[in-house]
Amino acid sequence: MDQSGVPVIRRATEHDIADMARIIARAFASDDPIEEYVFPDVGNRHRRSPRMLRIMIRYRFLPAGGAAVSTVDGKIVGALLWYPAGYRKSLWREAISGPLLLWAMGAGTARGIHVDDAIAEVRPVQGHHFMVYLGADPTVQRSGVGRSLVNWLDALADERSETVGGICKDGNMPYYATFGYELVRRVRIGSTGPEMNFVLRQPVPVPSE
């Protein structure tokens, strides 16, 4: 049972897709180099980003088991999307979602492929969870919602002796450093996009009982 004001983490379901897309789109609507690269026009970003996210959650993250939400008093206030260890794209899901993403993203589709390419370039193949989106509703930011989601995934990875990583902007480096993430390398999105940081956290041994 939720305790008032305390974030509770659980796996996401299809019923959560709309709330997750809304929260992540709001969290990344401004001051995010990748979203600004994919959708340079602000108005276009506000329209297309939620559509894109709904499709990606439904056809990529949920089927892979890479979606979790943070709730407070039963209300979804944060979301985490990641590619779990051992993740491989499903060809038939990609075939279904491809036309839908083209409709949702418009001219941003090619730039979105650049993002996927950059992730594929730096993501370790085995024993690794790759965070793609971590977002909290702007009304509860800096209240521990995002931290609770990262801690949850880190604990899951530690149980399996797996690493966790992701790409982030320079301004978020201190945030991830507090969890034990370290800079591995920098990667550019496309040929003209932003240069991002690939950070990695090694598993912490779980004491045996």
Protein backbone atom coordinates (compact mmCIF):
# COMPACT_ATOMS: atom_id res chain seq x y z
CA MET A 1 0.00 0.00 0.00
CA ASP A 2 1.25 3.47 -0.84
CA GLN A 3 2.34 5.65 2.05
CA SER A 4 1.47 9.30 1.59
CA GLY A 5 4.18 11.06 -0.40
CA VAL A 6 6.45 7.99 -0.69
CA PRO A 7 7.29 6.82 -4.26
CA VAL A 8 6.37 3.20 -4.94
CA ILE A 9 7.97 1.48 -7.96
CA ARG A 10 6.26 -1.19 -10.02
CA ARG A 11 6.47 -2.71 -13.47
CA ALA A 12 4.43 -0.83 -16.08
CA THR A 13 1.45 -2.26 -17.93
CA GLU A 14 -0.41 -1.29 -21.10
CA HIS A 15 -2.84 0.70 -18.95
CA ASP A 16 0.07 3.01 -18.02
CA ILE A 17 1.13 3.92 -21.56
CA ALA A 18 -0.75 7.22 -21.84
CA ASP A 19 0.45 8.47 -18.43
CA MET A 20 4.03 7.42 -19.11
CA ALA A 21 4.13 9.11 -22.51
CA ARG A 22 2.65 12.30 -21.08
CA ILE A 23 5.07 12.45 -18.15
CA ILE A 24 8.20 11.69 -20.18
CA ALA A 25 7.21 14.11 -22.96
CA ARG A 26 6.73 16.89 -20.40
CA ALA A 27 10.00 16.06 -18.64
CA PHE A 28 11.96 16.19 -21.92
CA ALA A 29 10.07 19.06 -23.55
CA SER A 30 12.86 21.58 -22.93
CA ASP A 31 16.57 21.62 -22.15
CA ASP A 32 17.15 18.15 -23.59
CA PRO A 33 19.69 18.03 -26.45
CA ILE A 34 18.39 14.81 -27.99
CA GLU A 35 14.71 15.78 -28.07
CA GLU A 36 15.68 19.20 -29.43
CA TYR A 37 17.72 17.49 -32.14
CA VAL A 38 14.95 15.06 -33.12
CA PHE A 39 12.23 17.73 -33.02
CA PRO A 40 13.89 21.17 -33.44
CA ASP A 41 10.59 23.03 -33.62
CA VAL A 42 9.05 23.41 -30.15
CA GLY A 43 5.45 23.18 -31.30
CA ASN A 44 6.22 20.14 -33.41
CA ARG A 45 7.99 18.54 -30.44
CA HIS A 46 4.96 19.00 -28.18
CA ARG A 47 2.71 17.34 -30.75
CA ARG A 48 4.92 14.51 -31.94
CA SER A 49 6.92 13.43 -28.91
CA PRO A 50 3.96 11.96 -26.96
CA ARG A 51 2.83 10.05 -30.06
CA MET A 52 6.33 8.67 -30.58
CA LEU A 53 6.62 7.65 -26.94
CA ARG A 54 3.29 5.82 -26.89
CA ILE A 55 4.35 3.72 -29.86
CA MET A 56 7.82 3.00 -28.47
CA ILE A 57 6.43 2.00 -25.08
CA ARG A 58 3.84 -0.31 -26.61
CA TYR A 59 6.08 -2.00 -29.18
CA ARG A 60 9.57 -1.79 -27.68
CA PHE A 61 9.82 -1.27 -23.96
CA LEU A 62 6.78 -3.08 -22.58
CA PRO A 63 7.30 -6.30 -24.58
CA ALA A 64 10.98 -6.30 -23.57
CA GLY A 65 10.19 -5.84 -19.88
CA GLY A 66 11.92 -2.46 -19.85
CA ALA A 67 9.25 -0.16 -18.39
CA ALA A 68 8.58 0.86 -14.80
CA VAL A 69 6.57 3.59 -13.12
CA SER A 70 6.79 5.45 -9.86
CA THR A 71 3.51 6.13 -8.09
CA VAL A 72 2.65 8.35 -5.15
CA ASP A 73 -0.67 7.70 -3.47
CA GLY A 74 -1.62 5.56 -6.47
CA LYS A 75 -0.89 8.28 -9.06
CA ILE A 76 1.84 7.79 -11.68
CA VAL A 77 4.40 10.57 -11.23
CA GLY A 78 7.50 9.10 -12.88
CA ALA A 79 8.57 6.64 -15.53
CA LEU A 80 11.68 4.74 -16.56
CA LEU A 81 12.22 3.11 -19.96
CA TRP A 82 15.24 0.94 -20.67
CA TYR A 83 16.57 -1.88 -22.83
CA PRO A 84 17.06 -4.82 -20.46
CA ALA A 85 20.07 -7.10 -20.51
CA GLY A 86 19.90 -9.40 -23.51
CA TYR A 87 17.49 -7.11 -25.39
CA ARG A 88 17.17 -7.71 -29.12
CA LYS A 89 14.82 -5.92 -31.47
CA SER A 90 11.82 -7.97 -32.57
CA LEU A 91 11.66 -7.89 -36.35
CA TRP A 92 7.90 -8.25 -36.51
CA ARG A 93 7.31 -5.58 -33.86
CA GLU A 94 9.67 -3.26 -35.71
CA ALA A 95 7.76 -3.99 -38.93
CA ILE A 96 4.50 -3.03 -37.23
CA SER A 97 5.79 -0.01 -35.38
CA GLY A 98 7.90 1.37 -38.25
CA PRO A 99 5.01 2.94 -40.21
CA LEU A 100 3.45 4.13 -36.96
CA LEU A 101 6.67 5.88 -35.92
CA LEU A 102 6.98 7.45 -39.35
CA TRP A 103 3.47 8.87 -38.91
CA ALA A 104 4.20 10.00 -35.35
CA MET A 105 7.64 11.52 -35.95
CA GLY A 106 7.38 12.92 -39.46
CA ALA A 107 10.63 14.59 -40.50
CA GLY A 108 12.12 13.62 -37.14
CA THR A 109 12.19 9.94 -38.12
CA ALA A 110 15.66 10.04 -39.68
CA ARG A 111 17.06 11.91 -36.67
CA GLY A 112 15.42 9.36 -34.38
CA ILE A 113 17.30 6.63 -36.25
CA HIS A 114 20.51 8.52 -35.50
CA VAL A 115 19.68 8.24 -31.80
CA ASP A 116 19.11 4.49 -32.12
CA ASP A 117 22.44 4.18 -33.96
CA ALA A 118 24.30 6.04 -31.20
CA ILE A 119 22.75 3.79 -28.55
CA ALA A 120 23.72 0.69 -30.53
CA GLU A 121 27.27 2.03 -30.86
CA VAL A 122 27.90 2.36 -27.13
CA ARG A 123 25.57 -0.22 -25.54
CA PRO A 124 27.37 -3.30 -24.22
CA VAL A 125 25.82 -6.42 -25.71
CA GLN A 126 25.63 -8.77 -22.75
CA GLY A 127 24.74 -8.37 -19.10
CA HIS A 128 23.75 -4.73 -19.46
CA HIS A 129 20.66 -2.57 -18.90
CA PHE A 130 20.55 0.63 -21.00
CA MET A 131 18.42 3.49 -19.69
CA VAL A 132 16.73 5.47 -22.46
CA TYR A 133 14.19 7.68 -20.69
CA LEU A 134 13.98 8.69 -17.03
CA GLY A 135 11.33 11.29 -16.31
CA ALA A 136 9.26 12.70 -13.48
CA ASP A 137 6.22 14.91 -13.65
CA PRO A 138 7.47 18.52 -13.40
CA THR A 139 5.23 19.05 -10.35
CA VAL A 140 7.23 16.49 -8.35
CA GLN A 141 10.73 16.96 -9.74
CA ARG A 142 13.53 17.05 -7.16
CA SER A 143 11.37 15.10 -4.71
CA GLY A 144 13.15 11.77 -5.13
CA VAL A 145 10.93 10.24 -7.81
CA GLY A 146 13.68 9.86 -10.40
CA ARG A 147 16.14 8.69 -7.75
CA SER A 148 13.75 5.97 -6.62
CA LEU A 149 13.47 4.65 -10.18
CA VAL A 150 17.24 4.58 -10.73
CA ASN A 151 17.78 2.88 -7.37
CA TRP A 152 15.16 0.27 -8.29
CA LEU A 153 16.86 -0.58 -11.59
CA ASP A 154 20.30 -0.56 -9.99
CA ALA A 155 19.12 -3.03 -7.34
CA LEU A 156 17.66 -5.28 -10.04
CA ALA A 157 20.96 -5.22 -11.92
CA ASP A 158 22.98 -5.88 -8.76
CA GLU A 159 20.95 -9.03 -8.05
CA ARG A 160 21.99 -10.33 -11.47
CA SER A 161 25.56 -8.93 -11.46
CA GLU A 162 24.76 -6.76 -14.50
CA THR A 163 25.86 -3.27 -15.46
CA VAL A 164 23.55 -0.29 -16.04
CA GLY A 165 24.28 2.62 -18.34
CA GLY A 166 22.87 5.30 -20.57
CA ILE A 167 23.68 8.50 -22.40
CA CYS A 168 23.18 11.87 -20.75
CA LYS A 169 23.95 15.53 -21.25
CA ASP A 170 26.81 17.28 -19.46
CA GLY A 171 24.47 18.87 -16.94
CA ASN A 172 23.27 15.47 -15.69
CA MET A 173 26.71 14.02 -15.07
CA PRO A 174 26.80 15.01 -11.37
CA TYR A 175 23.36 13.45 -10.86
CA TYR A 176 24.39 10.06 -12.20
CA ALA A 177 27.72 10.23 -10.40
CA THR A 178 25.85 10.10 -7.09
CA PHE A 179 24.64 6.59 -8.06
CA GLY A 180 28.12 5.41 -8.96
CA TYR A 181 27.92 5.95 -12.73
CA GLU A 182 31.19 6.81 -14.44
CA LEU A 183 31.97 8.35 -17.81
CA VAL A 184 33.09 5.77 -20.37
CA ARG A 185 33.14 7.82 -23.57
CA ARG A 186 31.36 10.53 -25.50
CA VAL A 187 29.19 9.82 -28.52
CA ARG A 188 27.73 12.14 -31.15
CA ILE A 189 24.16 11.80 -32.37
CA GLY A 190 24.34 11.71 -36.16
CA SER A 191 26.90 13.90 -37.88
CA THR A 192 25.55 17.25 -36.70
CA GLY A 193 23.70 16.34 -33.51
CA PRO A 194 24.70 16.85 -29.88
CA GLU A 195 27.62 15.09 -28.26
CA MET A 196 26.47 13.05 -25.26
CA ASN A 197 28.12 11.14 -22.42
CA PHE A 198 27.89 7.37 -22.13
CA VAL A 199 27.94 6.55 -18.42
CA LEU A 200 28.18 3.12 -16.83
CA ARG A 201 27.61 1.67 -13.38
CA GLN A 202 29.27 -1.57 -12.36
CA PRO A 203 27.20 -4.00 -10.27
CA VAL A 204 27.58 -3.89 -6.50
CA PRO A 205 27.84 -7.38 -4.97
CA VAL A 206 24.72 -8.34 -3.05
CA PRO A 207 25.57 -9.85 0.36
CA SER A 208 24.61 -13.49 0.58
CA GLU A 209 22.17 -14.43 3.30
